Structure formats: structure tokens, C-alpha cells
Amino acid sequence: MDETDARVISALRHDARASLSDLAARLNLSRTTVRARIARLQHRGDIIGFSVVTRADVSRDPVRGLMMIGIEGRGTDRITRQLAGMAEVRSVHSTNGRWDIIIEIGAETLTLFDAVLGKVRKLDGVVASETSLLLSTRKSG
């Protein structure tokens, strides 16, 4: 990926609904170049999709947070499957560093959110966790 590809992706992150003509003008490129770059980025898998975040997506989960989880031994696959089956777990990410897994949790109330934290902490093999509430989202995706 070169600098022009990075600029195209940045422009799409800013406004994925912009027309090819608007993107071309903003990037000082031809419309054909922008179209070809986007197609190539999609074909290579650098762009895997476009999404929309609605007000309902955020209001569905008034209480949201990230939970970093430390796992003992080789239980990561099993725990990942258990987490994926929990209705309040919105996403499960493997990571490196101090934590083995990071999950995003969404709940309607702090009480329900706390109950999910308790369920996760009781999973066999979970040895440590740290949770941060998401207070606001200024940019998603």
C-alpha cells in the first residue's frame, strides 16, 4: 500500500458515502484513478467492507465497554467460543501484549453490564481482567 492508497482509505473513513468525483477532487486525483484504487484495495482485501453506524446502534447499548482478559494456559480457543456465545459480547479480539483477548460488551444498564463482567471472570481459565467503560464515540470504523 502506497501513500495514495492510504490517502484514499483516509478519505473513505472520513466519508464512505462520498461520490467518486468528490473523492477525486478532495484527493487531487482523477475519478478513474480513485475508482481503480478502491477496486484494487477491495480485491487485495485491504478494504473488506463498508459499514454504517446508526443512532440505534449506539442507543441499543447505552452502557458499552472494553474488557481486557488474561487467560491461563491453552484455554484461549475455548474461552473465545464461550465469549462469542454471550449475547452481550459485541466483538472478540485476539491481541498481543499483556492481555490475551479484548472484548466489547454492550448492555442496557450498569447492573446488566456488571453481571456480564462477573460471568466472564468466572470462566475457567480467566485469570485477570481490566475493564474500561466507553463514554462516547467520536469516530467508529
C-alpha atoms as a PDB file:
ATOM      1  CA  MET A   1       0.000   0.000   0.000  1.00  0.00           C
ATOM      2  CA  ASP A   2       1.466   3.314  -1.038  1.00  0.00           C
ATOM      3  CA  GLU A   3       0.779   6.857   0.146  1.00  0.00           C
ATOM      4  CA  THR A   4      -2.035   7.375  -2.386  1.00  0.00           C
ATOM      5  CA  ASP A   5      -3.805   4.215  -1.208  1.00  0.00           C
ATOM      6  CA  ALA A   6      -3.504   5.450   2.379  1.00  0.00           C
ATOM      7  CA  ARG A   7      -4.984   8.814   1.366  1.00  0.00           C
ATOM      8  CA  VAL A   8      -7.899   7.078  -0.393  1.00  0.00           C
ATOM      9  CA  ILE A   9      -8.610   4.970   2.694  1.00  0.00           C
ATOM     10  CA  SER A  10      -8.393   8.043   4.931  1.00  0.00           C
ATOM     11  CA  ALA A  11     -10.888   9.894   2.719  1.00  0.00           C
ATOM     12  CA  LEU A  12     -13.250   6.902   2.782  1.00  0.00           C
ATOM     13  CA  ARG A  13     -13.008   6.734   6.574  1.00  0.00           C
ATOM     14  CA  HIS A  14     -13.975  10.392   6.704  1.00  0.00           C
ATOM     15  CA  ASP A  15     -16.935   9.896   4.337  1.00  0.00           C
ATOM     16  CA  ALA A  16     -17.502   6.450   2.820  1.00  0.00           C
ATOM     17  CA  ARG A  17     -20.574   7.771   1.006  1.00  0.00           C
ATOM     18  CA  ALA A  18     -18.703  10.446  -0.941  1.00  0.00           C
ATOM     19  CA  SER A  19     -19.032  10.142  -4.695  1.00  0.00           C
ATOM     20  CA  LEU A  20     -16.023   9.142  -6.754  1.00  0.00           C
ATOM     21  CA  SER A  21     -15.994  12.670  -8.195  1.00  0.00           C
ATOM     22  CA  ASP A  22     -15.916  14.245  -4.728  1.00  0.00           C
ATOM     23  CA  LEU A  23     -13.176  11.875  -3.562  1.00  0.00           C
ATOM     24  CA  ALA A  24     -11.151  12.604  -6.694  1.00  0.00           C
ATOM     25  CA  ALA A  25     -11.455  16.361  -6.154  1.00  0.00           C
ATOM     26  CA  ARG A  26     -10.554  16.087  -2.468  1.00  0.00           C
ATOM     27  CA  LEU A  27      -7.510  13.907  -3.252  1.00  0.00           C
ATOM     28  CA  ASN A  28      -6.468  15.798  -6.379  1.00  0.00           C
ATOM     29  CA  LEU A  29      -6.691  12.586  -8.426  1.00  0.00           C
ATOM     30  CA  SER A  30      -8.735  11.577 -11.458  1.00  0.00           C
ATOM     31  CA  ARG A  31     -12.068   9.828 -10.921  1.00  0.00           C
ATOM     32  CA  THR A  32     -10.725   6.816 -12.838  1.00  0.00           C
ATOM     33  CA  THR A  33      -7.693   6.595 -10.555  1.00  0.00           C
ATOM     34  CA  VAL A  34      -9.842   6.716  -7.418  1.00  0.00           C
ATOM     35  CA  ARG A  35     -12.192   4.030  -8.777  1.00  0.00           C
ATOM     36  CA  ALA A  36      -9.255   1.797  -9.756  1.00  0.00           C
ATOM     37  CA  ARG A  37      -7.539   2.282  -6.386  1.00  0.00           C
ATOM     38  CA  ILE A  38     -10.689   1.396  -4.437  1.00  0.00           C
ATOM     39  CA  ALA A  39     -11.302  -1.668  -6.618  1.00  0.00           C
ATOM     40  CA  ARG A  40      -7.704  -2.842  -6.155  1.00  0.00           C
ATOM     41  CA  LEU A  41      -7.825  -2.267  -2.386  1.00  0.00           C
ATOM     42  CA  GLN A  42     -11.031  -4.320  -2.209  1.00  0.00           C
ATOM     43  CA  HIS A  43      -9.627  -7.084  -4.419  1.00  0.00           C
ATOM     44  CA  ARG A  44      -6.449  -7.351  -2.297  1.00  0.00           C
ATOM     45  CA  GLY A  45      -8.503  -7.431   0.889  1.00  0.00           C
ATOM     46  CA  ASP A  46      -7.196  -4.137   2.275  1.00  0.00           C
ATOM     47  CA  ILE A  47     -10.786  -2.875   2.233  1.00  0.00           C
ATOM     48  CA  ILE A  48     -13.084  -5.655   3.375  1.00  0.00           C
ATOM     49  CA  GLY A  49     -16.308  -3.705   3.548  1.00  0.00           C
ATOM     50  CA  PHE A  50     -18.182  -0.540   4.313  1.00  0.00           C
ATOM     51  CA  SER A  51     -20.487  -0.091   7.268  1.00  0.00           C
ATOM     52  CA  VAL A  52     -22.982   2.303   8.716  1.00  0.00           C
ATOM     53  CA  VAL A  53     -23.265   3.147  12.397  1.00  0.00           C
ATOM     54  CA  THR A  54     -26.724   4.425  13.255  1.00  0.00           C
ATOM     55  CA  ARG A  55     -28.027   6.182  16.323  1.00  0.00           C
ATOM     56  CA  ALA A  56     -29.953   2.984  17.103  1.00  0.00           C
ATOM     57  CA  ASP A  57     -26.693   1.004  17.153  1.00  0.00           C
ATOM     58  CA  VAL A  58     -25.377   3.209  19.934  1.00  0.00           C
ATOM     59  CA  SER A  59     -28.660   3.629  21.816  1.00  0.00           C
ATOM     60  CA  ARG A  60     -29.219  -0.154  21.760  1.00  0.00           C
ATOM     61  CA  ASP A  61     -26.274  -0.401  24.149  1.00  0.00           C
ATOM     62  CA  PRO A  62     -26.306   2.670  26.396  1.00  0.00           C
ATOM     63  CA  VAL A  63     -23.579   1.037  28.505  1.00  0.00           C
ATOM     64  CA  ARG A  64     -20.594  -0.133  26.497  1.00  0.00           C
ATOM     65  CA  GLY A  65     -17.108  -1.109  27.472  1.00  0.00           C
ATOM     66  CA  LEU A  66     -13.931  -2.932  26.625  1.00  0.00           C
ATOM     67  CA  MET A  67     -12.751  -5.805  28.777  1.00  0.00           C
ATOM     68  CA  MET A  68      -9.162  -6.969  28.504  1.00  0.00           C
ATOM     69  CA  ILE A  69      -8.770 -10.599  29.575  1.00  0.00           C
ATOM     70  CA  GLY A  70      -5.759 -12.632  30.671  1.00  0.00           C
ATOM     71  CA  ILE A  71      -6.024 -16.382  30.132  1.00  0.00           C
ATOM     72  CA  GLU A  72      -4.079 -19.138  31.844  1.00  0.00           C
ATOM     73  CA  GLY A  73      -2.637 -21.984  29.788  1.00  0.00           C
ATOM     74  CA  ARG A  74      -4.122 -23.047  26.486  1.00  0.00           C
ATOM     75  CA  GLY A  75      -7.754 -22.170  27.078  1.00  0.00           C
ATOM     76  CA  THR A  76      -7.947 -19.258  24.648  1.00  0.00           C
ATOM     77  CA  ASP A  77      -9.921 -21.072  21.919  1.00  0.00           C
ATOM     78  CA  ARG A  78     -12.431 -22.493  24.406  1.00  0.00           C
ATOM     79  CA  ILE A  79     -12.896 -19.163  26.163  1.00  0.00           C
ATOM     80  CA  THR A  80     -13.230 -17.341  22.836  1.00  0.00           C
ATOM     81  CA  ARG A  81     -16.067 -19.708  21.855  1.00  0.00           C
ATOM     82  CA  GLN A  82     -17.780 -19.157  25.218  1.00  0.00           C
ATOM     83  CA  LEU A  83     -17.479 -15.384  24.887  1.00  0.00           C
ATOM     84  CA  ALA A  84     -18.818 -15.432  21.320  1.00  0.00           C
ATOM     85  CA  GLY A  85     -21.927 -17.199  22.628  1.00  0.00           C
ATOM     86  CA  MET A  86     -22.766 -14.455  25.135  1.00  0.00           C
ATOM     87  CA  ALA A  87     -25.483 -12.137  23.836  1.00  0.00           C
ATOM     88  CA  GLU A  88     -23.926  -9.009  25.376  1.00  0.00           C
ATOM     89  CA  VAL A  89     -20.493  -9.580  23.839  1.00  0.00           C
ATOM     90  CA  ARG A  90     -20.408  -7.485  20.657  1.00  0.00           C
ATOM     91  CA  SER A  91     -16.911  -8.441  19.465  1.00  0.00           C
ATOM     92  CA  VAL A  92     -13.987 -10.648  20.485  1.00  0.00           C
ATOM     93  CA  HIS A  93     -10.426  -9.709  19.509  1.00  0.00           C
ATOM     94  CA  SER A  94      -7.189 -11.610  19.980  1.00  0.00           C
ATOM     95  CA  THR A  95      -4.272  -9.364  20.819  1.00  0.00           C
ATOM     96  CA  ASN A  96      -0.677  -9.340  21.917  1.00  0.00           C
ATOM     97  CA  GLY A  97       0.995  -7.848  24.957  1.00  0.00           C
ATOM     98  CA  ARG A  98      -0.314  -8.101  28.482  1.00  0.00           C
ATOM     99  CA  TRP A  99      -3.819  -9.259  27.539  1.00  0.00           C
ATOM    100  CA  ASP A 100      -4.821 -12.318  25.515  1.00  0.00           C
ATOM    101  CA  ILE A 101      -8.308 -11.227  24.424  1.00  0.00           C
ATOM    102  CA  ILE A 102     -10.191  -7.933  24.305  1.00  0.00           C
ATOM    103  CA  ILE A 103     -13.980  -7.994  24.128  1.00  0.00           C
ATOM    104  CA  GLU A 104     -16.510  -5.256  23.554  1.00  0.00           C
ATOM    105  CA  ILE A 105     -19.568  -5.534  25.766  1.00  0.00           C
ATOM    106  CA  GLY A 106     -22.919  -3.791  25.330  1.00  0.00           C
ATOM    107  CA  ALA A 107     -25.725  -3.703  27.883  1.00  0.00           C
ATOM    108  CA  GLU A 108     -28.824  -1.692  28.682  1.00  0.00           C
ATOM    109  CA  THR A 109     -27.835  -0.862  32.270  1.00  0.00           C
ATOM    110  CA  LEU A 110     -24.766  -0.788  34.507  1.00  0.00           C
ATOM    111  CA  THR A 111     -26.281  -3.619  36.542  1.00  0.00           C
ATOM    112  CA  LEU A 112     -26.508  -5.855  33.457  1.00  0.00           C
ATOM    113  CA  PHE A 113     -23.026  -4.788  32.376  1.00  0.00           C
ATOM    114  CA  ASP A 114     -21.667  -5.733  35.801  1.00  0.00           C
ATOM    115  CA  ALA A 115     -23.388  -9.123  35.586  1.00  0.00           C
ATOM    116  CA  VAL A 116     -21.639  -9.810  32.260  1.00  0.00           C
ATOM    117  CA  LEU A 117     -18.289  -8.900  33.823  1.00  0.00           C
ATOM    118  CA  GLY A 118     -18.995 -11.395  36.593  1.00  0.00           C
ATOM    119  CA  LYS A 119     -19.862 -14.159  34.112  1.00  0.00           C
ATOM    120  CA  VAL A 120     -16.680 -13.565  32.147  1.00  0.00           C
ATOM    121  CA  ARG A 121     -14.499 -13.516  35.259  1.00  0.00           C
ATOM    122  CA  LYS A 122     -15.952 -16.886  36.349  1.00  0.00           C
ATOM    123  CA  LEU A 123     -14.967 -18.646  33.111  1.00  0.00           C
ATOM    124  CA  ASP A 124     -12.459 -21.397  33.808  1.00  0.00           C
ATOM    125  CA  GLY A 125      -9.037 -20.155  32.715  1.00  0.00           C
ATOM    126  CA  VAL A 126      -9.669 -16.421  33.067  1.00  0.00           C
ATOM    127  CA  VAL A 127      -7.003 -15.246  35.499  1.00  0.00           C
ATOM    128  CA  ALA A 128      -7.086 -11.460  35.141  1.00  0.00           C
ATOM    129  CA  SER A 129      -9.153  -8.716  33.584  1.00  0.00           C
ATOM    130  CA  GLU A 130      -9.383  -4.973  33.269  1.00  0.00           C
ATOM    131  CA  THR A 131     -12.444  -3.104  32.047  1.00  0.00           C
ATOM    132  CA  SER A 132     -12.936   0.404  30.696  1.00  0.00           C
ATOM    133  CA  LEU A 133     -16.347   1.948  30.055  1.00  0.00           C
ATOM    134  CA  LEU A 134     -16.766   3.697  26.710  1.00  0.00           C
ATOM    135  CA  LEU A 135     -18.081   7.170  27.484  1.00  0.00           C
ATOM    136  CA  SER A 136     -18.608   8.448  23.942  1.00  0.00           C
ATOM    137  CA  THR A 137     -17.762   7.527  20.372  1.00  0.00           C
ATOM    138  CA  ARG A 138     -16.402  10.274  18.184  1.00  0.00           C
ATOM    139  CA  LYS A 139     -15.396   8.027  15.272  1.00  0.00           C
ATOM    140  CA  SER A 140     -16.198   4.415  14.552  1.00  0.00           C
ATOM    141  CA  GLY A 141     -14.761   2.112  11.950  1.00  0.00           C
END
